[in-house]
Amino acid sequence: MKRRREDRSPSSDSERDRRKREKKLKKEKKKKDKKEKKERKRKELKEKKAKKDKKEKKKSKNESLHKEPEESDLAEQKRRAPMTKEEWEKQQSQVRREFDEDTGRMRLVKGTGEILEECVSKERQMAINKQATKADGESFQRYLAKQM
């Protein structure tokens, strides 16, 4: 049997209202705490930045104002700049042989780190696989030795 609103006692209504108010207060408090935490973080970041700027100002004050830009400064600026087409082509055209210590293989590596395949004869491929398998086994044994 369902109770009607009129059947409920006034004390249960006030209790329900009290719970609603408490719930609402908790939500508001949580919201306020979150906002305060965010504000504290913002202030901390501002203070850190101010300290950093202050240090940089001191540093620049100590250096002369009419100083020529150093090579390292120019290199830093160039490093941050986008690569030109010529620079990219030059980098891509460089292919080098690198020894992979872990597997014991010699690899062809393009300028950016891309691994290239090398065309070899069937006999050379068999020799490479044999040597690589041996190196893989040794590498695995070293790994097991470290674990123990």
C-alpha atoms as a PDB file:
ATOM      1  CA  MET A   1       0.000   0.000   0.000  1.00  0.00           C
ATOM      2  CA  LYS A   2       1.445   3.338  -1.057  1.00  0.00           C
ATOM      3  CA  ARG A   3       1.533   6.232   1.295  1.00  0.00           C
ATOM      4  CA  ARG A   4       0.203   9.493   0.184  1.00  0.00           C
ATOM      5  CA  ARG A   5       1.919  12.732   0.904  1.00  0.00           C
ATOM      6  CA  GLU A   6      -0.789  13.663   3.405  1.00  0.00           C
ATOM      7  CA  ASP A   7      -0.252  10.374   5.264  1.00  0.00           C
ATOM      8  CA  ARG A   8       3.400  11.120   5.967  1.00  0.00           C
ATOM      9  CA  SER A   9       4.296  12.612   9.236  1.00  0.00           C
ATOM     10  CA  PRO A  10       5.674  16.142   9.349  1.00  0.00           C
ATOM     11  CA  SER A  11       8.864  14.902  11.004  1.00  0.00           C
ATOM     12  CA  SER A  12       9.738  12.653   8.020  1.00  0.00           C
ATOM     13  CA  ASP A  13       9.276  15.606   5.649  1.00  0.00           C
ATOM     14  CA  SER A  14      11.574  17.760   7.698  1.00  0.00           C
ATOM     15  CA  GLU A  15      14.107  14.929   7.870  1.00  0.00           C
ATOM     16  CA  ARG A  16      13.997  14.547   4.095  1.00  0.00           C
ATOM     17  CA  ASP A  17      14.447  18.295   3.694  1.00  0.00           C
ATOM     18  CA  ARG A  18      17.352  18.219   6.131  1.00  0.00           C
ATOM     19  CA  ARG A  19      19.043  15.420   4.124  1.00  0.00           C
ATOM     20  CA  LYS A  20      18.547  17.359   0.898  1.00  0.00           C
ATOM     21  CA  ARG A  21      20.091  20.448   2.466  1.00  0.00           C
ATOM     22  CA  GLU A  22      23.037  18.417   3.766  1.00  0.00           C
ATOM     23  CA  LYS A  23      23.566  16.854   0.368  1.00  0.00           C
ATOM     24  CA  LYS A  24      23.416  20.251  -1.282  1.00  0.00           C
ATOM     25  CA  LEU A  25      25.879  21.674   1.248  1.00  0.00           C
ATOM     26  CA  LYS A  26      28.284  18.783   0.626  1.00  0.00           C
ATOM     27  CA  LYS A  27      28.133  19.399  -3.122  1.00  0.00           C
ATOM     28  CA  GLU A  28      28.772  23.104  -2.661  1.00  0.00           C
ATOM     29  CA  LYS A  29      31.652  22.429  -0.280  1.00  0.00           C
ATOM     30  CA  LYS A  30      33.199  19.957  -2.724  1.00  0.00           C
ATOM     31  CA  LYS A  31      32.851  22.467  -5.539  1.00  0.00           C
ATOM     32  CA  LYS A  32      34.405  25.185  -3.399  1.00  0.00           C
ATOM     33  CA  ASP A  33      37.312  22.939  -2.375  1.00  0.00           C
ATOM     34  CA  LYS A  34      37.965  22.028  -5.991  1.00  0.00           C
ATOM     35  CA  LYS A  35      37.952  25.690  -6.980  1.00  0.00           C
ATOM     36  CA  GLU A  36      40.333  26.589  -4.146  1.00  0.00           C
ATOM     37  CA  LYS A  37      42.691  23.766  -5.106  1.00  0.00           C
ATOM     38  CA  LYS A  38      42.725  24.966  -8.700  1.00  0.00           C
ATOM     39  CA  GLU A  39      43.419  28.513  -7.545  1.00  0.00           C
ATOM     40  CA  ARG A  40      46.305  27.338  -5.319  1.00  0.00           C
ATOM     41  CA  LYS A  41      47.862  25.471  -8.251  1.00  0.00           C
ATOM     42  CA  ARG A  42      47.506  28.535 -10.444  1.00  0.00           C
ATOM     43  CA  LYS A  43      49.218  30.685  -7.799  1.00  0.00           C
ATOM     44  CA  GLU A  44      52.041  28.166  -7.380  1.00  0.00           C
ATOM     45  CA  LEU A  45      52.663  28.107 -11.124  1.00  0.00           C
ATOM     46  CA  LYS A  46      52.624  31.895 -11.197  1.00  0.00           C
ATOM     47  CA  GLU A  47      55.174  32.037  -8.372  1.00  0.00           C
ATOM     48  CA  LYS A  48      57.430  29.510 -10.073  1.00  0.00           C
ATOM     49  CA  LYS A  49      57.293  31.475 -13.306  1.00  0.00           C
ATOM     50  CA  ALA A  50      58.034  34.711 -11.453  1.00  0.00           C
ATOM     51  CA  LYS A  51      61.069  33.137  -9.769  1.00  0.00           C
ATOM     52  CA  LYS A  52      62.309  31.801 -13.098  1.00  0.00           C
ATOM     53  CA  ASP A  53      61.852  35.196 -14.760  1.00  0.00           C
ATOM     54  CA  LYS A  54      63.655  36.870 -11.874  1.00  0.00           C
ATOM     55  CA  LYS A  55      66.613  34.499 -12.260  1.00  0.00           C
ATOM     56  CA  GLU A  56      66.723  35.109 -16.002  1.00  0.00           C
ATOM     57  CA  LYS A  57      66.643  38.879 -15.461  1.00  0.00           C
ATOM     58  CA  LYS A  58      69.541  38.621 -13.033  1.00  0.00           C
ATOM     59  CA  LYS A  59      71.454  36.472 -15.465  1.00  0.00           C
ATOM     60  CA  SER A  60      70.837  38.830 -18.379  1.00  0.00           C
ATOM     61  CA  LYS A  61      71.738  41.830 -16.200  1.00  0.00           C
ATOM     62  CA  ASN A  62      75.132  40.304 -15.483  1.00  0.00           C
ATOM     63  CA  GLU A  63      75.795  39.749 -19.190  1.00  0.00           C
ATOM     64  CA  SER A  64      76.617  42.728 -21.326  1.00  0.00           C
ATOM     65  CA  LEU A  65      73.788  44.294 -23.315  1.00  0.00           C
ATOM     66  CA  HIS A  66      75.720  44.634 -26.586  1.00  0.00           C
ATOM     67  CA  LYS A  67      77.043  41.093 -26.726  1.00  0.00           C
ATOM     68  CA  GLU A  68      77.113  39.334 -30.115  1.00  0.00           C
ATOM     69  CA  PRO A  69      74.973  36.184 -30.351  1.00  0.00           C
ATOM     70  CA  GLU A  70      77.062  33.106 -29.656  1.00  0.00           C
ATOM     71  CA  GLU A  71      77.321  30.147 -32.000  1.00  0.00           C
ATOM     72  CA  SER A  72      75.469  27.983 -29.475  1.00  0.00           C
ATOM     73  CA  ASP A  73      72.568  30.488 -29.478  1.00  0.00           C
ATOM     74  CA  LEU A  74      72.432  30.414 -33.266  1.00  0.00           C
ATOM     75  CA  ALA A  75      72.608  26.632 -33.277  1.00  0.00           C
ATOM     76  CA  GLU A  76      69.773  26.518 -30.733  1.00  0.00           C
ATOM     77  CA  GLN A  77      67.623  28.786 -32.898  1.00  0.00           C
ATOM     78  CA  LYS A  78      68.389  26.736 -35.990  1.00  0.00           C
ATOM     79  CA  ARG A  79      67.588  23.500 -34.148  1.00  0.00           C
ATOM     80  CA  ARG A  80      64.134  24.799 -33.275  1.00  0.00           C
ATOM     81  CA  ALA A  81      63.428  26.034 -36.800  1.00  0.00           C
ATOM     82  CA  PRO A  82      61.697  23.752 -39.289  1.00  0.00           C
ATOM     83  CA  MET A  83      63.961  21.712 -41.533  1.00  0.00           C
ATOM     84  CA  THR A  84      64.367  22.938 -45.098  1.00  0.00           C
ATOM     85  CA  LYS A  85      63.833  20.564 -48.010  1.00  0.00           C
ATOM     86  CA  GLU A  86      67.566  20.503 -48.744  1.00  0.00           C
ATOM     87  CA  GLU A  87      68.421  19.665 -45.127  1.00  0.00           C
ATOM     88  CA  TRP A  88      65.834  16.892 -45.088  1.00  0.00           C
ATOM     89  CA  GLU A  89      67.105  15.403 -48.374  1.00  0.00           C
ATOM     90  CA  LYS A  90      70.679  15.557 -47.093  1.00  0.00           C
ATOM     91  CA  GLN A  91      69.676  13.775 -43.886  1.00  0.00           C
ATOM     92  CA  GLN A  92      67.689  11.130 -45.764  1.00  0.00           C
ATOM     93  CA  SER A  93      70.533  10.444 -48.195  1.00  0.00           C
ATOM     94  CA  GLN A  94      72.897   9.451 -45.380  1.00  0.00           C
ATOM     95  CA  VAL A  95      72.914   5.679 -44.864  1.00  0.00           C
ATOM     96  CA  ARG A  96      75.214   4.155 -42.285  1.00  0.00           C
ATOM     97  CA  ARG A  97      75.951   0.700 -40.916  1.00  0.00           C
ATOM     98  CA  GLU A  98      75.343   0.288 -37.206  1.00  0.00           C
ATOM     99  CA  PHE A  99      76.095  -2.674 -34.986  1.00  0.00           C
ATOM    100  CA  ASP A 100      73.122  -3.759 -32.900  1.00  0.00           C
ATOM    101  CA  GLU A 101      74.784  -4.970 -29.696  1.00  0.00           C
ATOM    102  CA  ASP A 102      71.736  -6.770 -28.431  1.00  0.00           C
ATOM    103  CA  THR A 103      71.219  -8.982 -31.486  1.00  0.00           C
ATOM    104  CA  GLY A 104      74.763  -8.907 -32.864  1.00  0.00           C
ATOM    105  CA  ARG A 105      73.664  -7.752 -36.323  1.00  0.00           C
ATOM    106  CA  MET A 106      74.946  -5.034 -38.606  1.00  0.00           C
ATOM    107  CA  ARG A 107      72.037  -2.909 -39.769  1.00  0.00           C
ATOM    108  CA  LEU A 108      71.635  -0.272 -42.449  1.00  0.00           C
ATOM    109  CA  VAL A 109      70.192   2.854 -40.877  1.00  0.00           C
ATOM    110  CA  LYS A 110      68.923   5.905 -42.730  1.00  0.00           C
ATOM    111  CA  GLY A 111      69.610   9.400 -41.353  1.00  0.00           C
ATOM    112  CA  THR A 112      66.367   9.581 -39.360  1.00  0.00           C
ATOM    113  CA  GLY A 113      66.798   6.154 -37.768  1.00  0.00           C
ATOM    114  CA  GLU A 114      64.789   4.166 -40.290  1.00  0.00           C
ATOM    115  CA  ILE A 115      66.065   0.590 -40.652  1.00  0.00           C
ATOM    116  CA  LEU A 116      66.681  -0.468 -44.258  1.00  0.00           C
ATOM    117  CA  GLU A 117      66.846  -3.934 -45.767  1.00  0.00           C
ATOM    118  CA  GLU A 118      69.962  -5.024 -47.576  1.00  0.00           C
ATOM    119  CA  CYS A 119      69.902  -7.231 -50.670  1.00  0.00           C
ATOM    120  CA  VAL A 120      72.323 -10.137 -50.238  1.00  0.00           C
ATOM    121  CA  SER A 121      72.946 -13.534 -51.762  1.00  0.00           C
ATOM    122  CA  LYS A 122      71.328 -16.700 -50.450  1.00  0.00           C
ATOM    123  CA  GLU A 123      74.595 -17.882 -48.851  1.00  0.00           C
ATOM    124  CA  ARG A 124      75.173 -14.518 -47.180  1.00  0.00           C
ATOM    125  CA  GLN A 125      71.580 -14.543 -45.873  1.00  0.00           C
ATOM    126  CA  MET A 126      72.131 -17.984 -44.332  1.00  0.00           C
ATOM    127  CA  ALA A 127      75.370 -16.799 -42.705  1.00  0.00           C
ATOM    128  CA  ILE A 128      73.632 -13.685 -41.333  1.00  0.00           C
ATOM    129  CA  ASN A 129      70.771 -15.772 -39.914  1.00  0.00           C
ATOM    130  CA  LYS A 130      73.173 -18.257 -38.334  1.00  0.00           C
ATOM    131  CA  GLN A 131      75.210 -15.496 -36.717  1.00  0.00           C
ATOM    132  CA  ALA A 132      72.056 -13.617 -35.622  1.00  0.00           C
ATOM    133  CA  THR A 133      70.532 -16.744 -34.081  1.00  0.00           C
ATOM    134  CA  LYS A 134      73.739 -17.301 -32.123  1.00  0.00           C
ATOM    135  CA  ALA A 135      73.747 -13.657 -30.967  1.00  0.00           C
ATOM    136  CA  ASP A 136      70.039 -13.872 -30.016  1.00  0.00           C
ATOM    137  CA  GLY A 137      70.787 -16.911 -27.858  1.00  0.00           C
ATOM    138  CA  GLU A 138      73.710 -15.145 -26.166  1.00  0.00           C
ATOM    139  CA  SER A 139      71.576 -12.067 -25.586  1.00  0.00           C
ATOM    140  CA  PHE A 140      68.861 -14.209 -24.011  1.00  0.00           C
ATOM    141  CA  GLN A 141      71.418 -15.944 -21.786  1.00  0.00           C
ATOM    142  CA  ARG A 142      72.729 -12.544 -20.620  1.00  0.00           C
ATOM    143  CA  TYR A 143      69.149 -11.511 -19.837  1.00  0.00           C
ATOM    144  CA  LEU A 144      68.561 -14.666 -17.809  1.00  0.00           C
ATOM    145  CA  ALA A 145      71.829 -14.148 -15.932  1.00  0.00           C
ATOM    146  CA  LYS A 146      70.736 -10.621 -14.972  1.00  0.00           C
ATOM    147  CA  GLN A 147      67.405 -11.931 -13.690  1.00  0.00           C
ATOM    148  CA  MET A 148      69.062 -14.387 -11.328  1.00  0.00           C
END
